[in-house]
Protein backbone atom coordinates (compact mmCIF):
# COMPACT_ATOMS: atom_id res chain seq x y z
CA UNK A 1 101.27 109.55 91.80
CA UNK A 2 103.78 106.73 91.42
CA UNK A 3 103.29 103.00 91.92
CA UNK A 4 106.19 101.33 93.84
CA UNK A 5 106.39 97.70 95.30
CA UNK A 6 108.78 97.38 98.10
CA UNK A 7 109.38 94.90 100.78
CA UNK A 8 108.34 95.90 104.39
CA UNK A 9 111.28 95.74 106.69
CA UNK A 10 111.66 95.54 110.50
CA UNK A 11 112.70 98.89 112.09
CA UNK A 12 112.67 98.42 115.80
CA UNK A 13 109.17 97.44 116.79
CA UNK A 14 107.68 98.78 113.49
CA UNK A 15 107.78 97.95 109.82
CA UNK A 16 108.95 100.35 107.23
CA UNK A 17 109.38 100.76 103.47
CA UNK A 18 112.30 102.60 101.59
CA UNK A 19 111.44 104.94 98.85
CA UNK A 20 113.86 104.49 95.95
CA UNK A 21 116.17 107.36 95.27
CA UNK A 22 114.91 107.82 91.71
CA UNK A 23 111.33 108.27 92.86
CA UNK A 24 112.39 110.86 95.63
CA UNK A 25 114.23 112.93 92.99
CA UNK A 26 111.27 112.54 90.52
CA UNK A 27 108.76 113.67 93.01
CA UNK A 28 111.05 116.08 94.73
CA UNK A 29 110.44 114.64 98.09
CA UNK A 30 112.44 116.11 101.09
CA UNK A 31 113.38 114.52 104.51
CA UNK A 32 110.60 115.21 107.02
CA UNK A 33 108.09 116.03 104.31
CA UNK A 34 104.63 114.43 105.01
CA UNK A 35 103.49 111.99 102.28
CA UNK A 36 100.44 109.98 101.73
CA UNK A 37 100.51 106.43 100.93
CA UNK A 38 97.85 103.76 100.12
CA UNK A 39 99.18 100.49 101.60
CA UNK A 40 97.97 96.96 100.56
CA UNK A 41 99.68 93.61 100.83
CA UNK A 42 100.47 92.09 97.47
CA UNK A 43 98.66 88.89 97.33
CA UNK A 44 100.48 85.75 96.12
CA UNK A 45 99.26 82.24 95.45
CA UNK A 46 100.79 78.84 94.94
CA UNK A 47 100.27 77.73 91.42
CA UNK A 48 101.56 74.22 92.21
CA UNK A 49 98.88 71.89 90.74
CA UNK A 50 96.91 74.73 89.18
CA UNK A 51 96.69 72.81 85.80
CA UNK A 52 96.22 69.40 87.30
CA UNK A 53 93.82 67.47 85.06
CA UNK A 54 93.81 70.05 82.24
CA UNK A 55 93.42 68.70 78.71
CA UNK A 56 96.60 68.34 76.66
CA UNK A 57 97.48 71.09 74.32
CA UNK A 58 96.83 70.46 70.54
CA UNK A 59 99.52 70.83 68.10
CA UNK A 60 99.37 74.02 66.01
CA UNK A 61 99.07 73.65 62.30
CA UNK A 62 102.26 74.39 60.29
CA UNK A 63 100.93 77.73 58.97
CA UNK A 64 100.48 78.99 62.42
CA UNK A 65 104.00 78.10 63.60
CA UNK A 66 105.56 80.45 60.99
CA UNK A 67 103.30 83.41 61.77
CA UNK A 68 105.68 85.29 63.80
């Protein structure tokens, strides 16, 4: 099983997705072959104002800044 995220595109009155060539080669998919797909829309959210009202960050101690 392979996870792929692709945009849906308009094809006539339908929507379709394109399976990337590297995936078709890896899975040995052929034209006309029946495949099974679980389809779910990717959820997105607007993060604008997400941290509004959050407390200011505290400064790190000198010893912690040189850790990495």
